[in-house]
Amino acid sequence: MNLIGTPAAAASTPRRWPLILIASPAAVAIWSGWVGLGGMCGFGPVNLLPGIGDGFTINTAITLPVGVEAYGAYALGVWLRPGAIPGRARSFAKRSAIGSLALGMSGQVIYHLLAAAHQRSAPWPVITFVSCLLVAVLGFGAGLTHLLRLDGSDLDPSPEPLPETAPEQPKPRVAADAEEAARVALAATIEAGNPLTRNQLVTRFGLPRPVAAKVHAELLPELSMNGSGS
């Protein structure tokens, strides 16, 4: 609980009403700019259903702010959305969101420059550019939606910690023949503090006495030099 009795989790939640205050004047300015630029580029009232509904007309200039700015908000939301999103979709959304915002700013600049110069119509390069905007926005929106519907094979999940493994134990030596088996057994009994004698090597492993003596001398040279260990 905080000082005014509100739970800490609720108090830490960001409030959205400041965004409304920020977005409202921006929306008015952006809407008027795009509609004004559309009017300079030949956008205007169009009868959408000629011969069917002659009274159903719409000013096509409103399609510019709706299409361009709506896609910018859509791509920005995909880019910044937390959670698992296909990597290609997030990358595409990032680039196209930045491009859409830059496009919106350029549209506002062009309109205000033309309006300040008291131009009633835009030059042909601007008309060509503006006329292609909605087609481009449709392509970007369809492409981003397709990328979001992928199976998620290129997701970038956070790496999982590797499971703890026990330290690798040394592999036991496997005797290849009787002499090696005698050497392994003698080494084990030396570690245990009760080494085998040369006679025990002969009887247990069937070694000739010279071979048993050699094995014994290799591992217990001091006993062999003293003549003990028989």
C-alpha atoms as a PDB file:
ATOM      1  CA  MET A   1       0.000   0.000   0.000  1.00  0.00           C
ATOM      2  CA  ASN A   2       1.195   3.536  -0.744  1.00  0.00           C
ATOM      3  CA  LEU A   3       0.557   6.717   1.236  1.00  0.00           C
ATOM      4  CA  ILE A   4      -3.005   7.193  -0.052  1.00  0.00           C
ATOM      5  CA  GLY A   5      -4.041   3.593   0.450  1.00  0.00           C
ATOM      6  CA  THR A   6      -3.734   2.487  -3.171  1.00  0.00           C
ATOM      7  CA  PRO A   7      -2.122  -0.917  -3.810  1.00  0.00           C
ATOM      8  CA  ALA A   8       1.458  -0.581  -4.997  1.00  0.00           C
ATOM      9  CA  ALA A   9       0.788  -2.571  -8.194  1.00  0.00           C
ATOM     10  CA  ALA A  10      -2.070  -0.258  -9.182  1.00  0.00           C
ATOM     11  CA  ALA A  11      -0.073   2.848  -8.295  1.00  0.00           C
ATOM     12  CA  SER A  12       2.776   1.781 -10.572  1.00  0.00           C
ATOM     13  CA  THR A  13       0.483   1.260 -13.601  1.00  0.00           C
ATOM     14  CA  PRO A  14       1.077   4.059 -16.139  1.00  0.00           C
ATOM     15  CA  ARG A  15      -1.955   6.265 -16.673  1.00  0.00           C
ATOM     16  CA  ARG A  16      -3.240   6.717 -20.211  1.00  0.00           C
ATOM     17  CA  TRP A  17      -5.047  10.050 -19.925  1.00  0.00           C
ATOM     18  CA  PRO A  18      -1.889  12.126 -20.592  1.00  0.00           C
ATOM     19  CA  LEU A  19      -1.626  10.321 -23.938  1.00  0.00           C
ATOM     20  CA  ILE A  20      -5.128  11.587 -24.838  1.00  0.00           C
ATOM     21  CA  LEU A  21      -4.062  15.165 -24.166  1.00  0.00           C
ATOM     22  CA  ILE A  22      -0.955  14.665 -26.302  1.00  0.00           C
ATOM     23  CA  ALA A  23      -2.710  12.866 -29.146  1.00  0.00           C
ATOM     24  CA  SER A  24      -5.796  15.092 -29.490  1.00  0.00           C
ATOM     25  CA  PRO A  25      -4.119  18.241 -30.865  1.00  0.00           C
ATOM     26  CA  ALA A  26      -1.748  16.096 -32.936  1.00  0.00           C
ATOM     27  CA  ALA A  27      -4.701  14.250 -34.452  1.00  0.00           C
ATOM     28  CA  VAL A  28      -6.431  17.522 -35.387  1.00  0.00           C
ATOM     29  CA  ALA A  29      -3.286  18.948 -36.984  1.00  0.00           C
ATOM     30  CA  ILE A  30      -2.459  15.714 -38.820  1.00  0.00           C
ATOM     31  CA  TRP A  31      -6.030  15.264 -40.042  1.00  0.00           C
ATOM     32  CA  SER A  32      -6.285  18.826 -41.366  1.00  0.00           C
ATOM     33  CA  GLY A  33      -2.860  18.615 -42.989  1.00  0.00           C
ATOM     34  CA  TRP A  34      -3.576  15.389 -44.870  1.00  0.00           C
ATOM     35  CA  VAL A  35      -7.079  16.460 -45.890  1.00  0.00           C
ATOM     36  CA  GLY A  36      -5.759  19.816 -47.090  1.00  0.00           C
ATOM     37  CA  LEU A  37      -2.943  18.164 -49.034  1.00  0.00           C
ATOM     38  CA  GLY A  38      -5.393  15.685 -50.522  1.00  0.00           C
ATOM     39  CA  GLY A  39      -7.556  18.561 -51.734  1.00  0.00           C
ATOM     40  CA  MET A  40      -4.536  20.087 -53.459  1.00  0.00           C
ATOM     41  CA  CYS A  41      -3.767  16.736 -55.119  1.00  0.00           C
ATOM     42  CA  GLY A  42      -7.203  16.121 -56.643  1.00  0.00           C
ATOM     43  CA  PHE A  43      -8.834  14.221 -53.791  1.00  0.00           C
ATOM     44  CA  GLY A  44     -12.407  15.307 -53.141  1.00  0.00           C
ATOM     45  CA  PRO A  45     -16.079  14.262 -53.111  1.00  0.00           C
ATOM     46  CA  VAL A  46     -16.695  11.079 -55.101  1.00  0.00           C
ATOM     47  CA  ASN A  47     -19.961   9.266 -55.827  1.00  0.00           C
ATOM     48  CA  LEU A  48     -19.105   5.756 -54.699  1.00  0.00           C
ATOM     49  CA  LEU A  49     -22.192   4.038 -56.146  1.00  0.00           C
ATOM     50  CA  PRO A  50     -23.057   5.734 -59.433  1.00  0.00           C
ATOM     51  CA  GLY A  51     -26.365   4.481 -60.793  1.00  0.00           C
ATOM     52  CA  ILE A  52     -27.087   2.606 -57.565  1.00  0.00           C
ATOM     53  CA  GLY A  53     -26.894   5.129 -54.773  1.00  0.00           C
ATOM     54  CA  ASP A  54     -26.321   8.484 -56.399  1.00  0.00           C
ATOM     55  CA  GLY A  55     -26.532  10.313 -53.101  1.00  0.00           C
ATOM     56  CA  PHE A  56     -23.788   8.242 -51.437  1.00  0.00           C
ATOM     57  CA  THR A  57     -20.704  10.448 -51.771  1.00  0.00           C
ATOM     58  CA  ILE A  58     -17.543  10.671 -49.714  1.00  0.00           C
ATOM     59  CA  ASN A  59     -14.614  13.069 -49.686  1.00  0.00           C
ATOM     60  CA  THR A  60     -11.668  10.851 -50.517  1.00  0.00           C
ATOM     61  CA  ALA A  61      -9.236  13.279 -48.882  1.00  0.00           C
ATOM     62  CA  ILE A  62     -10.044  11.682 -45.512  1.00  0.00           C
ATOM     63  CA  THR A  63      -8.548   8.400 -46.708  1.00  0.00           C
ATOM     64  CA  LEU A  64      -5.052   9.845 -46.385  1.00  0.00           C
ATOM     65  CA  PRO A  65      -4.973  10.476 -42.616  1.00  0.00           C
ATOM     66  CA  VAL A  66      -6.940   7.302 -41.908  1.00  0.00           C
ATOM     67  CA  GLY A  67      -4.769   5.015 -43.999  1.00  0.00           C
ATOM     68  CA  VAL A  68      -1.297   6.450 -43.455  1.00  0.00           C
ATOM     69  CA  GLU A  69      -1.529   7.257 -39.747  1.00  0.00           C
ATOM     70  CA  ALA A  70      -3.474   4.104 -38.875  1.00  0.00           C
ATOM     71  CA  TYR A  71      -0.749   1.947 -40.392  1.00  0.00           C
ATOM     72  CA  GLY A  72       1.918   3.915 -38.528  1.00  0.00           C
ATOM     73  CA  ALA A  73       0.159   3.212 -35.220  1.00  0.00           C
ATOM     74  CA  TYR A  74      -0.349  -0.458 -36.169  1.00  0.00           C
ATOM     75  CA  ALA A  75       3.319  -1.005 -37.069  1.00  0.00           C
ATOM     76  CA  LEU A  76       4.488   0.879 -33.983  1.00  0.00           C
ATOM     77  CA  GLY A  77       2.329  -1.339 -31.777  1.00  0.00           C
ATOM     78  CA  VAL A  78       3.746  -4.518 -33.320  1.00  0.00           C
ATOM     79  CA  TRP A  79       7.302  -3.258 -32.942  1.00  0.00           C
ATOM     80  CA  LEU A  80       6.941  -2.353 -29.267  1.00  0.00           C
ATOM     81  CA  ARG A  81       4.563  -5.132 -28.230  1.00  0.00           C
ATOM     82  CA  PRO A  82       6.034  -7.359 -25.504  1.00  0.00           C
ATOM     83  CA  GLY A  83       5.916 -11.107 -25.905  1.00  0.00           C
ATOM     84  CA  ALA A  84       6.845 -13.599 -28.597  1.00  0.00           C
ATOM     85  CA  ILE A  85       6.563 -12.121 -32.097  1.00  0.00           C
ATOM     86  CA  PRO A  86       8.256 -13.574 -35.198  1.00  0.00           C
ATOM     87  CA  GLY A  87      11.592 -11.863 -35.623  1.00  0.00           C
ATOM     88  CA  ARG A  88      10.968 -10.901 -39.247  1.00  0.00           C
ATOM     89  CA  ALA A  89       7.617  -9.341 -38.333  1.00  0.00           C
ATOM     90  CA  ARG A  90       9.133  -7.251 -35.535  1.00  0.00           C
ATOM     91  CA  SER A  91      11.996  -6.095 -37.752  1.00  0.00           C
ATOM     92  CA  PHE A  92       9.614  -5.219 -40.604  1.00  0.00           C
ATOM     93  CA  ALA A  93       7.297  -3.387 -38.198  1.00  0.00           C
ATOM     94  CA  LYS A  94      10.203  -1.369 -36.779  1.00  0.00           C
ATOM     95  CA  ARG A  95      11.431  -0.199 -40.178  1.00  0.00           C
ATOM     96  CA  SER A  96       7.977   0.525 -41.578  1.00  0.00           C
ATOM     97  CA  ALA A  97       6.819   2.325 -38.406  1.00  0.00           C
ATOM     98  CA  ILE A  98       9.793   4.680 -38.552  1.00  0.00           C
ATOM     99  CA  GLY A  99       9.202   5.147 -42.277  1.00  0.00           C
ATOM    100  CA  SER A 100       5.497   5.825 -41.721  1.00  0.00           C
ATOM    101  CA  LEU A 101       6.230   8.467 -39.097  1.00  0.00           C
ATOM    102  CA  ALA A 102       8.750  10.110 -41.420  1.00  0.00           C
ATOM    103  CA  LEU A 103       6.195   9.941 -44.230  1.00  0.00           C
ATOM    104  CA  GLY A 104       3.568  11.608 -42.053  1.00  0.00           C
ATOM    105  CA  MET A 105       5.965  14.415 -41.155  1.00  0.00           C
ATOM    106  CA  SER A 106       6.880  14.958 -44.800  1.00  0.00           C
ATOM    107  CA  GLY A 107       3.174  15.179 -45.711  1.00  0.00           C
ATOM    108  CA  GLN A 108       2.623  17.870 -43.091  1.00  0.00           C
ATOM    109  CA  VAL A 109       5.677  19.811 -44.279  1.00  0.00           C
ATOM    110  CA  ILE A 110       4.562  19.706 -47.907  1.00  0.00           C
ATOM    111  CA  TYR A 111       1.037  20.867 -47.067  1.00  0.00           C
ATOM    112  CA  HIS A 112       2.125  23.792 -44.909  1.00  0.00           C
ATOM    113  CA  LEU A 113       4.706  24.925 -47.456  1.00  0.00           C
ATOM    114  CA  LEU A 114       2.061  24.913 -50.183  1.00  0.00           C
ATOM    115  CA  ALA A 115      -0.507  26.593 -47.939  1.00  0.00           C
ATOM    116  CA  ALA A 116       1.960  29.284 -46.856  1.00  0.00           C
ATOM    117  CA  ALA A 117       2.687  29.978 -50.536  1.00  0.00           C
ATOM    118  CA  HIS A 118      -1.102  30.251 -51.189  1.00  0.00           C
ATOM    119  CA  GLN A 119      -0.981  27.403 -53.697  1.00  0.00           C
ATOM    120  CA  ARG A 120      -4.333  25.951 -54.705  1.00  0.00           C
ATOM    121  CA  SER A 121      -2.878  22.817 -56.267  1.00  0.00           C
ATOM    122  CA  ALA A 122       0.250  20.815 -55.664  1.00  0.00           C
ATOM    123  CA  PRO A 123       2.955  20.287 -58.306  1.00  0.00           C
ATOM    124  CA  TRP A 124       2.798  17.053 -60.231  1.00  0.00           C
ATOM    125  CA  PRO A 125       5.621  15.243 -58.318  1.00  0.00           C
ATOM    126  CA  VAL A 126       3.702  15.803 -55.066  1.00  0.00           C
ATOM    127  CA  ILE A 127       0.443  14.656 -56.699  1.00  0.00           C
ATOM    128  CA  THR A 128       2.150  11.482 -57.950  1.00  0.00           C
ATOM    129  CA  PHE A 129       3.661  10.833 -54.536  1.00  0.00           C
ATOM    130  CA  VAL A 130       0.428  11.354 -52.604  1.00  0.00           C
ATOM    131  CA  SER A 131      -1.624   9.306 -55.060  1.00  0.00           C
ATOM    132  CA  CYS A 132       0.544   6.240 -54.436  1.00  0.00           C
ATOM    133  CA  LEU A 133       0.528   6.460 -50.645  1.00  0.00           C
ATOM    134  CA  LEU A 134      -2.587   4.420 -49.916  1.00  0.00           C
ATOM    135  CA  VAL A 135      -1.562   1.644 -52.294  1.00  0.00           C
ATOM    136  CA  ALA A 136       1.823   1.428 -50.581  1.00  0.00           C
ATOM    137  CA  VAL A 137       0.203   1.462 -47.134  1.00  0.00           C
ATOM    138  CA  LEU A 138      -2.109  -1.390 -48.154  1.00  0.00           C
ATOM    139  CA  GLY A 139       0.881  -3.448 -49.265  1.00  0.00           C
ATOM    140  CA  PHE A 140       2.783  -2.794 -46.051  1.00  0.00           C
ATOM    141  CA  GLY A 141      -0.240  -3.633 -43.908  1.00  0.00           C
ATOM    142  CA  ALA A 142      -0.866  -6.894 -45.765  1.00  0.00           C
ATOM    143  CA  GLY A 143       2.799  -7.845 -45.568  1.00  0.00           C
ATOM    144  CA  LEU A 144       3.045  -7.177 -41.838  1.00  0.00           C
ATOM    145  CA  THR A 145      -0.138  -9.116 -41.132  1.00  0.00           C
ATOM    146  CA  HIS A 146       1.203 -12.068 -43.137  1.00  0.00           C
ATOM    147  CA  LEU A 147       4.467 -12.037 -41.190  1.00  0.00           C
ATOM    148  CA  LEU A 148       2.552 -12.026 -37.911  1.00  0.00           C
ATOM    149  CA  ARG A 149       0.616 -15.129 -38.993  1.00  0.00           C
ATOM    150  CA  LEU A 150       3.720 -17.211 -39.549  1.00  0.00           C
ATOM    151  CA  ASP A 151       4.208 -20.329 -37.454  1.00  0.00           C
ATOM    152  CA  GLY A 152       6.742 -18.571 -35.239  1.00  0.00           C
ATOM    153  CA  SER A 153       9.680 -20.711 -36.340  1.00  0.00           C
ATOM    154  CA  ASP A 154      11.979 -17.685 -36.130  1.00  0.00           C
ATOM    155  CA  LEU A 155      10.966 -16.571 -32.654  1.00  0.00           C
ATOM    156  CA  ASP A 156      13.781 -15.375 -30.440  1.00  0.00           C
ATOM    157  CA  PRO A 157      12.945 -16.802 -27.002  1.00  0.00           C
ATOM    158  CA  SER A 158      15.194 -16.071 -24.104  1.00  0.00           C
ATOM    159  CA  PRO A 159      17.826 -18.793 -23.755  1.00  0.00           C
ATOM    160  CA  GLU A 160      16.997 -21.389 -21.150  1.00  0.00           C
ATOM    161  CA  PRO A 161      19.646 -22.114 -18.522  1.00  0.00           C
ATOM    162  CA  LEU A 162      21.588 -25.254 -19.170  1.00  0.00           C
ATOM    163  CA  PRO A 163      20.776 -28.097 -16.777  1.00  0.00           C
ATOM    164  CA  GLU A 164      23.338 -28.744 -14.128  1.00  0.00           C
ATOM    165  CA  THR A 165      25.346 -31.865 -14.867  1.00  0.00           C
ATOM    166  CA  ALA A 166      27.451 -33.893 -12.530  1.00  0.00           C
ATOM    167  CA  PRO A 167      31.197 -33.707 -13.126  1.00  0.00           C
ATOM    168  CA  GLU A 168      32.337 -36.315 -15.554  1.00  0.00           C
ATOM    169  CA  GLN A 169      33.691 -39.347 -13.770  1.00  0.00           C
ATOM    170  CA  PRO A 170      36.883 -40.930 -15.076  1.00  0.00           C
ATOM    171  CA  LYS A 171      36.148 -44.036 -17.061  1.00  0.00           C
ATOM    172  CA  PRO A 172      37.479 -47.248 -15.503  1.00  0.00           C
ATOM    173  CA  ARG A 173      40.398 -48.822 -17.270  1.00  0.00           C
ATOM    174  CA  VAL A 174      39.520 -51.966 -19.205  1.00  0.00           C
ATOM    175  CA  ALA A 175      42.217 -54.557 -19.388  1.00  0.00           C
ATOM    176  CA  ALA A 176      43.192 -55.653 -22.857  1.00  0.00           C
ATOM    177  CA  ASP A 177      45.100 -58.781 -21.732  1.00  0.00           C
ATOM    178  CA  ALA A 178      46.262 -60.622 -18.616  1.00  0.00           C
ATOM    179  CA  GLU A 179      49.314 -58.401 -18.120  1.00  0.00           C
ATOM    180  CA  GLU A 180      47.213 -55.232 -18.271  1.00  0.00           C
ATOM    181  CA  ALA A 181      44.636 -56.779 -15.934  1.00  0.00           C
ATOM    182  CA  ALA A 182      47.404 -57.587 -13.450  1.00  0.00           C
ATOM    183  CA  ARG A 183      48.725 -54.011 -13.693  1.00  0.00           C
ATOM    184  CA  VAL A 184      45.229 -52.568 -13.037  1.00  0.00           C
ATOM    185  CA  ALA A 185      44.662 -54.907 -10.086  1.00  0.00           C
ATOM    186  CA  LEU A 186      48.060 -54.143  -8.581  1.00  0.00           C
ATOM    187  CA  ALA A 187      47.456 -50.382  -8.881  1.00  0.00           C
ATOM    188  CA  ALA A 188      44.088 -50.749  -7.138  1.00  0.00           C
ATOM    189  CA  THR A 189      45.575 -52.744  -4.268  1.00  0.00           C
ATOM    190  CA  ILE A 190      48.392 -50.227  -3.911  1.00  0.00           C
ATOM    191  CA  GLU A 191      45.829 -47.449  -3.467  1.00  0.00           C
ATOM    192  CA  ALA A 192      44.035 -49.622  -0.908  1.00  0.00           C
ATOM    193  CA  GLY A 193      47.311 -50.056   1.037  1.00  0.00           C
ATOM    194  CA  ASN A 194      47.565 -53.839   0.518  1.00  0.00           C
ATOM    195  CA  PRO A 195      49.472 -54.457  -2.729  1.00  0.00           C
ATOM    196  CA  LEU A 196      49.512 -57.842  -4.402  1.00  0.00           C
ATOM    197  CA  THR A 197      52.707 -59.797  -4.327  1.00  0.00           C
ATOM    198  CA  ARG A 198      54.498 -61.182  -7.374  1.00  0.00           C
ATOM    199  CA  ASN A 199      53.305 -64.689  -6.513  1.00  0.00           C
ATOM    200  CA  GLN A 200      49.714 -63.509  -6.316  1.00  0.00           C
ATOM    201  CA  LEU A 201      50.071 -61.938  -9.756  1.00  0.00           C
ATOM    202  CA  VAL A 202      51.334 -65.249 -11.101  1.00  0.00           C
ATOM    203  CA  THR A 203      48.591 -67.352  -9.562  1.00  0.00           C
ATOM    204  CA  ARG A 204      45.659 -65.011 -10.157  1.00  0.00           C
ATOM    205  CA  PHE A 205      46.463 -63.882 -13.695  1.00  0.00           C
ATOM    206  CA  GLY A 206      48.560 -66.759 -15.006  1.00  0.00           C
ATOM    207  CA  LEU A 207      51.551 -64.532 -15.725  1.00  0.00           C
ATOM    208  CA  PRO A 208      55.034 -65.939 -16.156  1.00  0.00           C
ATOM    209  CA  ARG A 209      57.244 -64.995 -13.243  1.00  0.00           C
ATOM    210  CA  PRO A 210      59.449 -62.608 -15.298  1.00  0.00           C
ATOM    211  CA  VAL A 211      56.347 -60.748 -16.476  1.00  0.00           C
ATOM    212  CA  ALA A 212      54.917 -60.606 -12.957  1.00  0.00           C
ATOM    213  CA  ALA A 213      58.253 -59.304 -11.705  1.00  0.00           C
ATOM    214  CA  LYS A 214      58.288 -56.602 -14.409  1.00  0.00           C
ATOM    215  CA  VAL A 215      54.752 -55.430 -13.543  1.00  0.00           C
ATOM    216  CA  HIS A 216      55.593 -55.440  -9.860  1.00  0.00           C
ATOM    217  CA  ALA A 217      58.802 -53.480 -10.482  1.00  0.00           C
ATOM    218  CA  GLU A 218      57.005 -50.855 -12.566  1.00  0.00           C
ATOM    219  CA  LEU A 219      54.464 -50.067  -9.867  1.00  0.00           C
ATOM    220  CA  LEU A 220      56.428 -50.909  -6.747  1.00  0.00           C
ATOM    221  CA  PRO A 221      60.051 -50.264  -7.622  1.00  0.00           C
ATOM    222  CA  GLU A 222      61.181 -49.889  -4.019  1.00  0.00           C
ATOM    223  CA  LEU A 223      59.824 -53.269  -2.945  1.00  0.00           C
ATOM    224  CA  SER A 224      61.345 -54.933  -5.997  1.00  0.00           C
ATOM    225  CA  MET A 225      64.757 -53.421  -5.320  1.00  0.00           C
ATOM    226  CA  ASN A 226      64.626 -54.706  -1.723  1.00  0.00           C
ATOM    227  CA  GLY A 227      63.685 -58.172  -2.953  1.00  0.00           C
ATOM    228  CA  SER A 228      60.434 -58.137  -0.998  1.00  0.00           C
ATOM    229  CA  GLY A 229      56.913 -58.358  -2.337  1.00  0.00           C
ATOM    230  CA  SER A 230      57.230 -61.944  -3.426  1.00  0.00           C
END
